Amino acid sequence: MSIQVKEVKEQIRQRWNESAEEFDQCPGPGIHSEREKKAWQAILVNAVGGKQLKILDVGTGTGFIALLLAEYGHSVTGVDLAEEMLAQARDKAKRQKLKVKFQYGDADELPFEDNVFDAVINRHVFWTMSDPEKAAAEWARVLKPGGKLLIIDGDWNNFSSWKKIWKAVATITVGLTEGVDSSTKSHGLRDFEKELPLRSQKRPEADLRILRALGMKEAEMVRFKDPRAHGLLDNLKYGYYQRFVVTAIK
């Protein structure tokens, strides 16, 4: 591992540790209504399927995806670099009386044997990878043959001109209505994010290209509406986000 990659990982770990306590209160990371929760559950059920599976949630954070999947009876393991995030996830699992295994783990050096999981999933993680090709290969490694890899993310940078205006207006509106300045109170990695490979690539096209190069089968993408975007005001605040689920089979 190069010194630069080590430094980036350490900055990522520190950033998420520092934001762990307030992470779920930010507009994007947490669930803030029953409607939003049901929308995410529908997305996951559609992506993962109804059969109970052994699932790995990479970059689990405070357990957003892992806990939703556990509610449906899946056997879920969540890994993350940030110890404080994992502490929050374990506390939430305890409060919700859900059985999820949360453990420390590096997204591109997973502490698991080959061919272990039926599905590997991550949300808002792939863009933070210093070497996305290596990370995707590692996720594929721990998948069983026929297992499914899922990437839930968004194209955060490639906006049309009118959507850039929409985003600027939305940032102001979020600040006025939620008391959050999303330009400064962000979970983004502003100081070094420009160095991350996927920040300069069009997505999800880049994701699909990486997975197909690994020999993954049936690589495809489905776009979906931000689960927060209901009603005129919330559509104004969140409707400009370009979200997608990329799936592929080992």
Protein backbone atom coordinates (compact mmCIF):
# COMPACT_ATOMS: atom_id res chain seq x y z
CA MET A 1 0.00 0.00 0.00
CA SER A 2 1.45 3.38 -1.01
CA ILE A 3 1.95 6.16 1.54
CA GLN A 4 -0.64 8.28 -0.26
CA VAL A 5 -3.30 5.56 -0.04
CA LYS A 6 -2.53 5.07 3.66
CA GLU A 7 -2.93 8.81 4.24
CA VAL A 8 -6.26 8.92 2.41
CA LYS A 9 -7.59 5.97 4.40
CA GLU A 10 -6.53 7.58 7.65
CA GLN A 11 -8.27 10.83 6.70
CA ILE A 12 -11.40 8.88 5.84
CA ARG A 13 -11.25 7.02 9.16
CA GLN A 14 -10.73 10.23 11.14
CA ARG A 15 -13.49 12.10 9.29
CA TRP A 16 -16.09 9.41 9.90
CA ASN A 17 -15.03 8.97 13.53
CA GLU A 18 -15.41 12.71 14.11
CA SER A 19 -18.90 12.80 12.57
CA ALA A 20 -20.20 9.55 14.06
CA GLU A 21 -22.40 11.03 16.81
CA GLU A 22 -24.18 13.49 14.51
CA PHE A 23 -24.05 11.40 11.33
CA ASP A 24 -27.63 10.14 11.44
CA GLN A 25 -28.95 13.66 12.06
CA CYS A 26 -27.53 14.95 8.76
CA PRO A 27 -30.08 15.23 5.92
CA GLY A 28 -28.73 12.34 3.83
CA PRO A 29 -27.25 9.57 5.99
CA GLY A 30 -30.07 8.87 8.43
CA ILE A 31 -33.75 7.97 8.15
CA HIS A 32 -36.01 10.83 9.19
CA SER A 33 -39.50 9.51 8.52
CA GLU A 34 -41.44 6.27 8.22
CA ARG A 35 -42.09 7.08 4.56
CA GLU A 36 -38.37 7.39 3.91
CA LYS A 37 -37.71 4.10 5.68
CA LYS A 38 -40.33 2.27 3.62
CA ALA A 39 -38.88 3.74 0.43
CA TRP A 40 -35.40 2.43 1.30
CA GLN A 41 -36.82 -0.96 2.24
CA ALA A 42 -38.55 -1.19 -1.12
CA ILE A 43 -35.29 -0.34 -2.91
CA LEU A 44 -33.39 -3.01 -0.97
CA VAL A 45 -36.02 -5.72 -1.37
CA ASN A 46 -36.10 -5.06 -5.10
CA ALA A 47 -32.29 -5.17 -5.33
CA VAL A 48 -31.56 -8.09 -3.00
CA GLY A 49 -34.69 -10.18 -3.42
CA GLY A 50 -36.94 -11.88 -0.89
CA LYS A 51 -34.82 -14.95 -0.15
CA GLN A 52 -32.90 -14.78 3.14
CA LEU A 53 -29.21 -14.32 2.43
CA LYS A 54 -25.83 -14.00 4.09
CA ILE A 55 -24.92 -10.39 3.31
CA LEU A 56 -21.85 -8.21 3.81
CA ASP A 57 -22.41 -4.46 4.17
CA VAL A 58 -19.12 -2.75 3.27
CA GLY A 59 -18.54 0.66 4.84
CA THR A 60 -21.56 0.10 7.04
CA GLY A 61 -21.15 3.34 8.98
CA THR A 62 -23.88 3.56 11.59
CA GLY A 63 -25.56 0.48 10.14
CA PHE A 64 -28.12 2.10 7.85
CA ILE A 65 -28.26 -0.69 5.26
CA ALA A 66 -27.29 -3.54 7.60
CA LEU A 67 -30.15 -2.87 10.02
CA LEU A 68 -32.77 -2.48 7.29
CA LEU A 69 -31.70 -5.82 5.81
CA ALA A 70 -31.67 -7.49 9.23
CA GLU A 71 -35.31 -6.50 9.70
CA TYR A 72 -36.08 -8.75 6.73
CA GLY A 73 -34.33 -11.72 8.31
CA HIS A 74 -31.06 -11.58 6.40
CA SER A 75 -27.86 -12.62 8.18
CA VAL A 76 -25.83 -9.41 7.95
CA THR A 77 -22.24 -8.50 8.74
CA GLY A 78 -21.20 -4.84 8.62
CA VAL A 79 -17.59 -3.71 8.33
CA ASP A 80 -16.13 -0.23 8.63
CA LEU A 81 -12.81 1.55 9.22
CA ALA A 82 -14.29 4.00 11.72
CA GLU A 83 -14.58 2.58 15.23
CA GLU A 84 -16.93 5.33 16.40
CA MET A 85 -19.30 4.60 13.53
CA LEU A 86 -19.31 0.93 14.51
CA ALA A 87 -20.09 1.87 18.12
CA GLN A 88 -23.14 3.81 16.91
CA ALA A 89 -24.22 0.87 14.74
CA ARG A 90 -23.95 -1.61 17.61
CA ASP A 91 -25.96 0.69 19.87
CA LYS A 92 -28.71 1.02 17.26
CA ALA A 93 -28.83 -2.75 16.74
CA LYS A 94 -29.18 -3.25 20.48
CA ARG A 95 -31.99 -0.69 20.75
CA GLN A 96 -33.80 -2.19 17.78
CA LYS A 97 -33.18 -5.75 19.04
CA LEU A 98 -31.64 -6.78 15.74
CA LYS A 99 -28.86 -9.32 15.37
CA VAL A 100 -26.13 -7.86 13.16
CA LYS A 101 -22.40 -8.53 13.42
CA PHE A 102 -20.46 -5.27 13.22
CA GLN A 103 -16.69 -5.47 12.99
CA TYR A 104 -13.67 -3.42 12.02
CA GLY A 105 -12.62 -3.97 8.43
CA ASP A 106 -10.93 -2.28 5.49
CA ALA A 107 -13.13 -2.11 2.39
CA ASP A 108 -10.37 -3.20 0.03
CA GLU A 109 -8.66 -5.65 2.42
CA LEU A 110 -11.59 -7.55 3.85
CA PRO A 111 -11.00 -9.94 6.79
CA PHE A 112 -12.91 -12.82 5.20
CA GLU A 113 -12.16 -15.96 3.22
CA ASP A 114 -13.09 -16.36 -0.44
CA ASN A 115 -16.66 -17.24 -1.47
CA VAL A 116 -18.37 -16.48 1.86
CA PHE A 117 -21.33 -14.19 1.16
CA ASP A 118 -24.47 -14.43 -0.97
CA ALA A 119 -24.44 -10.68 -1.48
CA VAL A 120 -22.07 -7.75 -0.89
CA ILE A 121 -23.65 -4.32 -0.67
CA ASN A 122 -22.52 -0.78 0.02
CA ARG A 123 -24.14 2.64 0.08
CA HIS A 124 -22.29 5.89 -0.61
CA VAL A 125 -18.94 4.10 -0.23
CA PHE A 126 -17.53 3.31 -3.67
CA TRP A 127 -16.71 6.94 -4.45
CA THR A 128 -14.39 7.09 -1.40
CA MET A 129 -12.15 4.28 -2.67
CA SER A 130 -8.56 5.26 -3.51
CA ASP A 131 -8.42 2.25 -5.85
CA PRO A 132 -11.99 1.37 -6.90
CA GLU A 133 -10.83 -1.49 -9.13
CA LYS A 134 -9.03 -3.13 -6.20
CA ALA A 135 -12.02 -2.58 -3.91
CA ALA A 136 -14.49 -4.08 -6.38
CA ALA A 137 -12.20 -7.08 -6.91
CA GLU A 138 -12.04 -7.60 -3.15
CA TRP A 139 -15.83 -7.46 -2.86
CA ALA A 140 -16.14 -9.98 -5.67
CA ARG A 141 -13.56 -12.23 -3.99
CA VAL A 142 -15.70 -12.78 -0.89
CA LEU A 143 -18.83 -13.45 -2.92
CA LYS A 144 -19.99 -16.98 -3.54
CA PRO A 145 -20.26 -18.00 -7.21
CA GLY A 146 -23.60 -16.63 -8.34
CA GLY A 147 -23.56 -14.05 -5.56
CA LYS A 148 -24.67 -10.49 -6.15
CA LEU A 149 -22.64 -7.30 -5.78
CA LEU A 150 -24.64 -4.12 -5.22
CA ILE A 151 -23.41 -0.52 -5.26
CA ILE A 152 -25.83 2.17 -4.10
CA ASP A 153 -24.52 5.63 -4.81
CA GLY A 154 -25.02 8.83 -6.74
CA ASP A 155 -23.32 10.88 -9.40
CA TRP A 156 -22.53 13.76 -7.06
CA ASN A 157 -20.45 15.83 -9.47
CA ASN A 158 -21.76 15.56 -13.00
CA PHE A 159 -24.71 17.93 -12.98
CA SER A 160 -26.21 19.74 -15.94
CA SER A 161 -26.18 23.53 -15.80
CA TRP A 162 -29.76 23.81 -14.63
CA LYS A 163 -29.22 21.15 -11.95
CA LYS A 164 -26.21 23.09 -10.65
CA ILE A 165 -28.57 26.02 -10.14
CA TRP A 166 -31.10 23.67 -8.52
CA LYS A 167 -28.40 22.33 -6.19
CA ALA A 168 -27.40 25.86 -5.14
CA VAL A 169 -31.00 26.76 -4.36
CA ALA A 170 -31.48 23.45 -2.54
CA THR A 171 -28.42 24.09 -0.35
CA ILE A 172 -29.87 27.41 0.77
CA THR A 173 -33.32 25.88 1.31
CA VAL A 174 -31.92 23.05 3.45
CA GLY A 175 -30.09 25.59 5.57
CA LEU A 176 -33.23 27.67 6.08
CA THR A 177 -35.61 24.78 6.79
CA GLU A 178 -33.37 22.33 8.64
CA GLY A 179 -30.72 24.56 10.22
CA VAL A 180 -28.02 22.71 8.31
CA ASP A 181 -25.44 24.41 6.13
CA SER A 182 -24.77 21.56 3.75
CA SER A 183 -21.89 23.45 2.16
CA THR A 184 -19.90 23.23 5.42
CA LYS A 185 -21.66 20.60 7.56
CA SER A 186 -21.02 17.86 5.06
CA HIS A 187 -19.85 14.30 5.45
CA GLY A 188 -17.88 14.79 2.22
CA LEU A 189 -14.09 14.67 2.14
CA ARG A 190 -13.45 18.16 0.83
CA ASP A 191 -9.70 18.45 1.40
CA PHE A 192 -8.68 15.46 -0.66
CA GLU A 193 -11.78 14.25 -2.50
CA LYS A 194 -10.47 15.67 -5.78
CA GLU A 195 -7.78 12.96 -5.65
CA LEU A 196 -10.31 10.12 -5.50
CA PRO A 197 -10.61 8.46 -8.93
CA LEU A 198 -14.40 8.21 -9.12
CA ARG A 199 -14.86 11.91 -8.32
CA SER A 200 -13.71 12.78 -11.83
CA GLN A 201 -15.58 10.02 -13.67
CA LYS A 202 -19.13 9.86 -14.93
CA ARG A 203 -21.20 7.46 -12.92
CA PRO A 204 -22.67 4.89 -12.92
CA GLU A 205 -20.94 4.26 -16.24
CA ALA A 206 -17.58 3.98 -14.44
CA ASP A 207 -19.02 1.48 -11.95
CA LEU A 208 -20.38 -0.73 -14.72
CA ARG A 209 -17.09 -0.59 -16.61
CA ILE A 210 -15.13 -1.68 -13.53
CA LEU A 211 -17.46 -4.58 -12.73
CA ARG A 212 -17.53 -5.82 -16.32
CA ALA A 213 -13.73 -5.70 -16.47
CA LEU A 214 -13.68 -8.05 -13.47
CA GLY A 215 -15.74 -10.55 -15.42
CA MET A 216 -18.91 -9.91 -13.41
CA LYS A 217 -22.08 -10.95 -15.23
CA GLU A 218 -25.39 -9.16 -15.79
CA ALA A 219 -23.94 -5.81 -14.70
CA GLU A 220 -26.79 -3.33 -14.86
CA MET A 221 -28.03 -0.10 -13.33
CA VAL A 222 -31.37 1.19 -12.06
CA ARG A 223 -31.89 4.85 -11.16
CA PHE A 224 -34.21 5.78 -8.32
CA LYS A 225 -35.71 8.87 -6.80
CA ASP A 226 -34.17 10.15 -3.59
CA PRO A 227 -36.37 8.67 -0.84
CA ARG A 228 -36.52 12.07 0.87
CA ALA A 229 -38.03 13.79 -2.17
CA HIS A 230 -41.76 13.79 -1.40
CA GLY A 231 -43.89 16.86 -1.87
CA LEU A 232 -42.92 20.18 -3.39
CA LEU A 233 -40.51 21.38 -0.68
CA ASP A 234 -38.63 18.10 -0.28
CA ASN A 235 -38.38 17.71 -4.05
CA LEU A 236 -36.84 21.16 -4.19
CA LYS A 237 -34.29 20.19 -1.52
CA TYR A 238 -33.40 16.68 -2.68
CA GLY A 239 -34.81 16.04 -6.14
CA TYR A 240 -31.64 17.02 -8.00
CA TYR A 241 -29.67 14.03 -6.62
CA GLN A 242 -28.89 11.37 -9.21
CA ARG A 243 -29.09 8.08 -7.31
CA PHE A 244 -28.64 4.58 -8.68
CA VAL A 245 -28.23 0.91 -7.79
CA VAL A 246 -25.63 -1.00 -9.78
CA THR A 247 -25.82 -4.80 -9.55
CA ALA A 248 -23.67 -7.58 -10.95
CA ILE A 249 -23.39 -11.34 -10.53
CA LYS A 250 -20.19 -13.27 -9.82
